[in-house]
Amino acid sequence: MKNKIFIVGMGPGKEEMLTGEAIGALEASDVIVGYHVYLDLLGERFSEKEFLTTPMRQEEQRCRMCFEEAQKGKTVSMICSGDAGVYGMASLMYQVGKEYPACELFVIPGITAALSGAAVLGAPLTHDFCVISLSDLLTPWEKIEKRLAMAAQGDFAMAIYNPSSHKRRDYLQKACDILLGYIEPERPCGYVENIGRQDTKATICTLGELRNREVNMFTTVFIGNATTEVIGDKLVTRRGYHIERKDD
């Protein structure tokens, strides 16, 4: 019988946005491993579990910690914000897991920021969309530039992850400059800060306005496509239905 490791997407962090499957996996675990910010979000419900962590940029060591604990006969959960397979730890766990054939991995899906943020703004991703991260820590900026340009030319709605950080303060501006080469400045856009937390803040603006906005690393940005409009205070991308207007 193989040792069991769950790779758990915990969504934005609050318990109401954890799936039932995620809660079940965490409750079944002896050890929960993750970045300390995400462990802190779990709250009192799992406080009796053994928590293990590593600093930022020590993701491989964190993975090996999971396998080492599992090989002691413990049931282990690796937690990730959002979904474990969307800029999460699932792929790295499978890569490292080649060295630990006695362990079996189970990916537990979670609500990624593209979906939880879109729900706050309204319905900006109702048609074809793509997700692009502006972090060049693991991806060359030249490749990110190409992906932004191709998405704009393909008229995709976009969810932009990691739009800014202390070392990348101008990256959202750079991304907007690329998009403005293909998209009109009046294109409806929006962004959500601290999704699913007490101080959630949503803003709707145009692409031209977005270029000059300051956002932080806890923000997800949404770029509309050619059919996106603002309805009331919500950002809505049309799917293509023909609506018959009834007379008053």
Protein backbone atom coordinates (compact mmCIF):
# COMPACT_ATOMS: atom_id res chain seq x y z
CA MET A 1 0.00 0.00 0.00
CA LYS A 2 1.48 3.36 -1.04
CA ASN A 3 1.91 6.34 1.25
CA LYS A 4 -0.70 9.00 0.53
CA ILE A 5 -0.07 12.68 -0.20
CA PHE A 6 -2.84 15.16 -1.02
CA ILE A 7 -1.98 18.28 -3.04
CA VAL A 8 -4.74 20.61 -1.93
CA GLY A 9 -5.94 23.77 -3.63
CA MET A 10 -7.34 25.90 -0.80
CA GLY A 11 -8.85 28.70 -2.90
CA PRO A 12 -8.51 32.23 -1.50
CA GLY A 13 -8.03 30.78 1.98
CA LYS A 14 -11.22 31.22 3.99
CA GLU A 15 -13.01 28.03 4.97
CA GLU A 16 -16.23 28.89 3.12
CA MET A 17 -14.31 28.74 -0.17
CA LEU A 18 -12.58 25.43 0.53
CA THR A 19 -14.27 22.55 -1.30
CA GLY A 20 -15.71 19.69 0.71
CA GLU A 21 -13.09 17.41 -0.82
CA ALA A 22 -10.31 19.77 0.29
CA ILE A 23 -11.65 19.88 3.86
CA GLY A 24 -11.88 16.10 3.91
CA ALA A 25 -8.27 15.72 2.75
CA LEU A 26 -6.98 18.17 5.35
CA GLU A 27 -8.97 16.50 8.12
CA ALA A 28 -7.58 13.10 7.08
CA SER A 29 -3.99 14.36 7.16
CA ASP A 30 -1.52 14.04 10.01
CA VAL A 31 0.80 16.70 8.56
CA ILE A 32 0.01 19.83 6.53
CA VAL A 33 2.89 21.36 4.57
CA GLY A 34 2.85 24.77 2.91
CA TYR A 35 4.09 28.33 2.71
CA HIS A 36 3.52 30.00 6.10
CA VAL A 37 1.08 32.59 4.71
CA TYR A 38 -1.24 29.81 3.54
CA LEU A 39 -0.90 27.82 6.76
CA ASP A 40 -1.93 30.93 8.70
CA LEU A 41 -5.11 31.17 6.61
CA LEU A 42 -6.31 27.71 7.64
CA GLY A 43 -7.43 28.97 11.06
CA GLU A 44 -8.42 27.05 14.15
CA ARG A 45 -10.14 24.12 12.46
CA PHE A 46 -6.83 22.43 11.63
CA SER A 47 -4.72 23.85 14.47
CA GLU A 48 -4.11 20.42 16.00
CA LYS A 49 -2.38 19.18 12.85
CA GLU A 50 1.39 19.20 12.52
CA PHE A 51 2.35 22.19 10.35
CA LEU A 52 5.62 22.27 8.38
CA THR A 53 6.89 25.07 6.16
CA THR A 54 9.86 26.42 4.22
CA PRO A 55 10.62 30.01 3.17
CA MET A 56 9.72 31.46 -0.22
CA ARG A 57 11.77 30.06 -3.12
CA GLN A 58 12.39 26.76 -1.32
CA GLU A 59 9.57 24.96 -3.07
CA GLU A 60 11.59 21.87 -3.95
CA GLN A 61 12.61 21.41 -0.31
CA ARG A 62 8.96 21.78 0.69
CA CYS A 63 8.03 18.99 -1.73
CA ARG A 64 10.72 16.68 -0.39
CA MET A 65 9.48 17.39 3.12
CA CYS A 66 6.08 16.00 2.07
CA PHE A 67 7.57 12.79 0.72
CA GLU A 68 9.83 12.30 3.72
CA GLU A 69 6.92 12.68 6.13
CA ALA A 70 4.74 10.34 4.05
CA GLN A 71 7.45 7.68 4.10
CA LYS A 72 7.19 7.71 7.90
CA GLY A 73 3.65 6.38 7.47
CA LYS A 74 1.89 9.73 7.88
CA THR A 75 -0.89 11.07 5.66
CA VAL A 76 0.31 14.41 4.30
CA SER A 77 -1.30 17.42 2.61
CA MET A 78 0.62 19.99 0.60
CA ILE A 79 -1.49 23.16 0.45
CA CYS A 80 -1.48 25.78 -2.30
CA SER A 81 -3.50 28.96 -2.66
CA GLY A 82 -6.12 28.86 -5.41
CA ASP A 83 -5.81 25.64 -7.40
CA ALA A 84 -2.80 23.37 -6.97
CA GLY A 85 -2.52 22.88 -10.74
CA VAL A 86 -2.70 26.60 -11.67
CA TYR A 87 0.67 28.16 -10.79
CA GLY A 88 0.63 25.76 -7.84
CA MET A 89 2.74 22.90 -6.53
CA ALA A 90 1.12 19.96 -8.30
CA SER A 91 3.54 19.72 -11.23
CA LEU A 92 6.63 20.08 -9.04
CA MET A 93 5.30 17.42 -6.67
CA TYR A 94 4.94 15.00 -9.60
CA GLN A 95 8.43 15.84 -10.84
CA VAL A 96 10.05 15.31 -7.43
CA GLY A 97 7.80 12.31 -6.83
CA LYS A 98 9.65 10.29 -9.44
CA GLU A 99 12.24 9.67 -6.73
CA TYR A 100 9.63 8.41 -4.24
CA PRO A 101 7.77 5.50 -5.91
CA ALA A 102 6.34 4.37 -2.57
CA CYS A 103 4.16 7.51 -2.43
CA GLU A 104 0.93 8.20 -4.29
CA LEU A 105 -0.28 11.71 -5.10
CA PHE A 106 -3.87 12.95 -5.17
CA VAL A 107 -4.60 16.43 -6.54
CA ILE A 108 -7.55 18.17 -4.87
CA PRO A 109 -8.82 21.09 -6.99
CA GLY A 110 -9.47 24.53 -5.56
CA ILE A 111 -10.95 27.84 -6.70
CA THR A 112 -8.25 29.75 -8.55
CA ALA A 113 -8.08 33.57 -8.44
CA ALA A 114 -9.30 33.90 -12.04
CA LEU A 115 -12.63 32.40 -10.98
CA SER A 116 -13.01 33.88 -7.50
CA GLY A 117 -11.95 37.32 -8.73
CA ALA A 118 -14.25 37.14 -11.75
CA ALA A 119 -17.18 36.40 -9.43
CA VAL A 120 -16.47 39.60 -7.49
CA LEU A 121 -16.36 41.70 -10.66
CA GLY A 122 -19.40 40.08 -12.28
CA ALA A 123 -18.85 37.84 -15.32
CA PRO A 124 -15.72 38.94 -17.23
CA LEU A 125 -14.61 35.45 -18.33
CA THR A 126 -17.85 34.09 -19.78
CA HIS A 127 -16.34 33.49 -23.24
CA ASP A 128 -12.90 32.16 -24.26
CA PHE A 129 -10.21 33.44 -21.90
CA CYS A 130 -6.61 32.87 -20.92
CA VAL A 131 -4.58 33.23 -17.73
CA ILE A 132 -1.14 34.88 -17.88
CA SER A 133 1.30 35.51 -15.05
CA LEU A 134 3.57 38.56 -15.19
CA SER A 135 6.10 36.96 -12.86
CA ASP A 136 9.39 36.42 -14.69
CA LEU A 137 10.94 34.45 -11.83
CA LEU A 138 10.53 31.18 -13.76
CA THR A 139 9.43 32.47 -17.19
CA PRO A 140 11.51 34.84 -19.39
CA TRP A 141 9.89 38.24 -19.85
CA GLU A 142 10.24 37.88 -23.64
CA LYS A 143 7.91 34.87 -23.53
CA ILE A 144 5.41 36.74 -21.34
CA GLU A 145 5.44 39.63 -23.84
CA LYS A 146 4.67 37.23 -26.69
CA ARG A 147 1.82 35.60 -24.80
CA LEU A 148 0.24 38.97 -24.00
CA ALA A 149 0.45 40.03 -27.65
CA MET A 150 -1.00 36.75 -28.92
CA ALA A 151 -3.85 36.87 -26.40
CA ALA A 152 -4.70 40.42 -27.46
CA GLN A 153 -4.65 39.50 -31.14
CA GLY A 154 -6.86 36.48 -30.45
CA ASP A 155 -9.39 38.68 -28.60
CA PHE A 156 -9.23 36.59 -25.44
CA ALA A 157 -10.52 37.94 -22.17
CA MET A 158 -7.59 37.71 -19.77
CA ALA A 159 -6.90 37.11 -16.11
CA ILE A 160 -3.49 38.49 -15.17
CA TYR A 161 -1.74 36.95 -12.17
CA ASN A 162 1.23 38.42 -10.27
CA PRO A 163 0.85 41.89 -11.82
CA SER A 164 3.29 43.58 -9.45
CA SER A 165 5.77 43.09 -6.63
CA HIS A 166 8.46 45.10 -4.84
CA LYS A 167 10.94 44.27 -7.62
CA ARG A 168 8.40 44.45 -10.49
CA ARG A 169 6.52 47.67 -9.80
CA ASP A 170 6.25 48.65 -13.47
CA TYR A 171 5.32 45.26 -14.91
CA LEU A 172 1.60 45.95 -15.17
CA GLN A 173 2.38 49.20 -16.98
CA LYS A 174 4.66 47.31 -19.36
CA ALA A 175 1.95 44.71 -19.97
CA CYS A 176 -0.65 47.39 -20.66
CA ASP A 177 1.69 49.05 -23.15
CA ILE A 178 1.89 45.75 -25.06
CA LEU A 179 -1.89 45.29 -24.97
CA LEU A 180 -2.52 48.87 -26.08
CA GLY A 181 -0.68 48.04 -29.29
CA TYR A 182 -3.68 45.85 -30.22
CA ILE A 183 -6.57 46.97 -27.98
CA GLU A 184 -8.34 50.34 -27.72
CA PRO A 185 -7.69 52.36 -24.52
CA GLU A 186 -11.44 52.35 -23.72
CA ARG A 187 -11.57 48.54 -23.30
CA PRO A 188 -13.33 47.69 -19.99
CA CYS A 189 -11.04 46.09 -17.41
CA GLY A 190 -11.01 45.48 -13.68
CA TYR A 191 -8.95 44.25 -10.79
CA VAL A 192 -9.60 42.66 -7.40
CA GLU A 193 -7.34 42.91 -4.37
CA ASN A 194 -7.34 40.38 -1.50
CA ILE A 195 -9.91 38.09 -3.12
CA GLY A 196 -12.06 36.21 -0.63
CA ARG A 197 -10.67 37.99 2.41
CA GLN A 198 -12.12 40.58 4.75
CA ASP A 199 -10.62 43.56 2.92
CA THR A 200 -11.55 42.51 -0.64
CA LYS A 201 -11.57 45.52 -2.98
CA ALA A 202 -12.79 45.53 -6.60
CA THR A 203 -12.22 48.26 -9.18
CA ILE A 204 -13.50 48.68 -12.76
CA CYS A 205 -11.61 50.91 -15.19
CA THR A 206 -10.51 51.15 -18.81
CA LEU A 207 -7.30 49.67 -20.20
CA GLY A 208 -5.91 53.17 -20.59
CA GLU A 209 -6.64 53.92 -16.94
CA LEU A 210 -5.30 50.56 -15.81
CA ARG A 211 -1.88 51.43 -17.24
CA ASN A 212 -1.40 54.07 -14.56
CA ARG A 213 -2.86 52.19 -11.60
CA GLU A 214 -0.70 50.83 -8.79
CA VAL A 215 -1.57 47.30 -7.68
CA ASN A 216 0.11 44.84 -5.32
CA MET A 217 1.03 41.16 -5.44
CA PHE A 218 -2.33 40.19 -3.90
CA THR A 219 -4.23 41.60 -6.90
CA THR A 220 -5.67 39.80 -9.93
CA VAL A 221 -6.27 41.89 -13.06
CA PHE A 222 -8.96 41.24 -15.69
CA ILE A 223 -8.83 42.47 -19.30
CA GLY A 224 -12.09 42.36 -21.25
CA ASN A 225 -12.49 41.19 -24.83
CA ALA A 226 -14.23 43.08 -27.64
CA THR A 227 -17.70 42.24 -26.28
CA THR A 228 -17.03 43.14 -22.64
CA GLU A 229 -19.17 45.91 -21.16
CA VAL A 230 -19.94 47.49 -17.82
CA ILE A 231 -23.49 46.75 -16.63
CA GLY A 232 -24.27 48.75 -13.51
CA ASP A 233 -21.17 48.25 -11.41
CA LYS A 234 -20.23 44.87 -12.89
CA LEU A 235 -17.84 43.79 -15.66
CA VAL A 236 -19.62 41.47 -18.09
CA THR A 237 -18.37 39.64 -21.19
CA ARG A 238 -21.13 38.60 -23.55
CA ARG A 239 -21.26 34.97 -24.64
CA GLY A 240 -23.22 35.62 -27.83
CA TYR A 241 -26.86 35.09 -26.89
CA HIS A 242 -29.40 37.17 -28.80
CA ILE A 243 -31.70 38.78 -26.23
CA GLU A 244 -35.15 39.81 -27.31
CA ARG A 245 -36.11 43.05 -25.58
CA LYS A 246 -39.67 43.08 -24.30
CA ASP A 247 -41.67 46.27 -24.59
CA ASP A 248 -42.64 47.98 -21.36
